[in-house]
Amino acid sequence: MSLISYLTTIRFQAGALSDVGNDLRELGIRMPLIVTDAGISHVGLVDRLISVLSAGQHIPVFAGTPTNPTESAVMAALDLYCSHGCDGLIAIGGGSPIDLAKGVALLSTHDGPLEQYAAILGGIPKISAAVAPLIAIPTTAGTGSEVGRAALITLEDGRKLGFISPHLIPKRAICDPDLTLGLPPALTAATGMDAITHCIETFLSPRFNPPAEAIALDGLVRAVRNMACPMWVIRV
C-alpha cells in the first residue's frame, strides 16, 4: 500500500476502504457519524462503507449535504452527531461532504456560533486541537479537501466563508481509486478537470517550490492521460 505521511496520513490503494476499521481503532473512534450526500448514498458507496465497519452496530448517516455546504446542514448533522453519542466522523464523497464534516468536527467540540471561527473574522486562532477526529474518503479526483486545512461553508445570511486551521485537516485520508469507478461520466469529467486545474495553478504559482512543481507536472500528465483526451498532447 502507498502510505504518505505529511500533513496527515494518506492511504492510497485500490481496496483501501476495507481497512477503515483499523483507522477508527487507531484514532479511538467508537461511534462515527458518516457524512455524505444523496448521490453518493444512491450509488451504494455508503452501503459499501458500512459493510466494512458494522458488526451489528447501528452507524448513523447524514446524507443531507447540499451541493455547497451550509450552516443549517452543519447544524442538522451536528444534532445527529450529538444524539447518537458520536466521537468522530467519516466523510465520504466530494469536497462538500468533507467540508461539512469539518464544520461538525469543529462545532462538536467548540462553542458556537460557527461564524466566529471564519478566517476573515479572525477565527483561525480560536480553533484548537480539540476538533473531533475526521476520516475523509474522497470519491472524486478534484477536491483535495481530504488533505486540506480549509472548509468553505455558506452561513445563514448568505455569506460563503472560509474556515482555516491545521486542526481541520482530516486525521486520515483514504484514497481508494475503486470508489471513483461508479460515478456518472459527467461527474468524472468535471472533477478530473478540477484536478487538472489544481496541477496547472500549482505549477504556475509564483512561489518557488520545486517538489510541488514536480508533483504538479506528474499529476497533470497522469490526469490528462486518464481523462482520455487524445487531442491534448503533454510534453514535459
Foldseek 3Di string as FASTA:
>chain_A
DDWDPDLAIEDAEAPLLLCVQVVCVVQVWDAAEEFAAPVLVVLPVVVVNCVSHDDPDDHHYHHHFDPAAAQVSLVVSLVVCVVVVGQEYEYEEAQRRLLSRLSSLQCNQDPDDPVCQFVVNVNAVVGDLSRGAYEYEYQAQAHCQQQAQWHWYQYPVGDTTIGGYSSSRHNYYYYHPVSNVPDDPVRRLVRLVNQLVVLVCQLPDPDDDVVSVVVSLVSNVVSVVVSVDVVDDDDD
